[in-house]
Amino acid sequence: MNPRTLTRTAVDLSLRTALAPWSTVGRWARTDGDRTSPIEVAVGRVDAAVRELAGKALRDDELVEDALRRRAAAENRAVAM
């Protein structure tokens, strides 16, 4: 593993840990068979924003690209609601 991979993994694990309670609340907030809830969309947007910020701060293009993909996915979920 190179240093970039280690920092990327650290960002990923930190975010998953920090956002896990909110993701759980989001799953509980689904109603009437909804596939997603507004809380889950918000968690996805926060996740993407933090990843993008971390990617720019660490000058990690892969992390920034991942953030952009995650942001697009969150927007698609928001539109589908």
Protein backbone atom coordinates (compact mmCIF):
# COMPACT_ATOMS: atom_id res chain seq x y z
CA MET A 1 0.00 0.00 0.00
CA ASN A 2 1.28 3.42 -0.86
CA PRO A 3 0.72 6.54 1.27
CA ARG A 4 -2.10 7.81 -0.99
CA THR A 5 -4.04 4.59 -0.55
CA LEU A 6 -3.55 4.72 3.20
CA THR A 7 -4.84 8.30 3.50
CA ARG A 8 -7.76 7.53 1.18
CA THR A 9 -8.65 4.51 3.31
CA ALA A 10 -8.38 6.58 6.49
CA VAL A 11 -10.76 9.20 5.07
CA ASP A 12 -13.19 6.48 3.99
CA LEU A 13 -13.19 4.69 7.36
CA SER A 14 -13.48 7.95 9.28
CA LEU A 15 -16.47 9.07 7.25
CA ARG A 16 -18.20 5.71 7.47
CA THR A 17 -17.75 5.72 11.23
CA ALA A 18 -18.89 9.32 11.67
CA LEU A 19 -21.92 8.98 9.40
CA ALA A 20 -23.03 5.49 10.47
CA PRO A 21 -25.56 6.69 13.07
CA TRP A 22 -27.10 9.11 10.58
CA SER A 23 -27.26 6.43 7.89
CA THR A 24 -29.11 4.19 10.32
CA VAL A 25 -31.58 6.95 11.18
CA GLY A 26 -32.06 7.54 7.46
CA ARG A 27 -32.94 3.89 6.87
CA TRP A 28 -35.45 4.03 9.74
CA ALA A 29 -36.98 7.20 8.29
CA ARG A 30 -38.11 5.48 5.09
CA THR A 31 -41.87 5.41 4.76
CA ASP A 32 -44.31 3.40 2.67
CA GLY A 33 -41.68 1.36 0.88
CA ASP A 34 -39.55 4.36 -0.10
CA ARG A 35 -36.19 3.39 -1.50
CA THR A 36 -34.48 6.32 0.19
CA SER A 37 -35.23 9.05 2.69
CA PRO A 38 -34.32 12.74 2.75
CA ILE A 39 -31.90 11.98 5.59
CA GLU A 40 -30.06 9.45 3.43
CA VAL A 41 -29.79 11.99 0.63
CA ALA A 42 -28.39 14.57 3.07
CA VAL A 43 -25.89 12.03 4.43
CA GLY A 44 -24.79 11.27 0.86
CA ARG A 45 -24.30 14.95 0.13
CA VAL A 46 -22.29 15.52 3.32
CA ASP A 47 -20.18 12.46 2.57
CA ALA A 48 -19.43 13.73 -0.93
CA ALA A 49 -18.61 17.24 0.27
CA VAL A 50 -16.20 16.03 2.96
CA ARG A 51 -14.50 13.63 0.54
CA GLU A 52 -14.07 16.43 -1.98
CA LEU A 53 -12.63 18.76 0.63
CA ALA A 54 -10.26 16.06 1.89
CA GLY A 55 -9.25 15.17 -1.66
CA LYS A 56 -8.40 18.77 -2.45
CA ALA A 57 -6.53 19.24 0.84
CA LEU A 58 -4.55 16.04 0.26
CA ARG A 59 -4.17 16.72 -3.47
CA ASP A 60 -5.69 13.32 -4.19
CA ASP A 61 -7.44 13.37 -7.56
CA GLU A 62 -8.94 9.91 -7.04
CA LEU A 63 -10.63 11.02 -3.84
CA VAL A 64 -12.02 14.12 -5.58
CA GLU A 65 -13.35 11.99 -8.46
CA ASP A 66 -14.95 9.60 -5.97
CA ALA A 67 -16.59 12.58 -4.26
CA LEU A 68 -18.01 13.81 -7.55
CA ARG A 69 -19.45 10.35 -8.31
CA ARG A 70 -20.99 10.21 -4.85
CA ARG A 71 -22.46 13.70 -5.23
CA ALA A 72 -24.03 12.73 -8.56
CA ALA A 73 -25.49 9.58 -6.98
CA ALA A 74 -26.95 11.61 -4.10
CA GLU A 75 -28.51 14.04 -6.57
CA ASN A 76 -29.99 11.13 -8.54
CA ARG A 77 -31.51 9.76 -5.33
CA ALA A 78 -32.92 13.18 -4.50
CA VAL A 79 -34.55 13.48 -7.93
CA ALA A 80 -35.96 9.96 -7.66
CA MET A 81 -37.72 10.73 -4.37
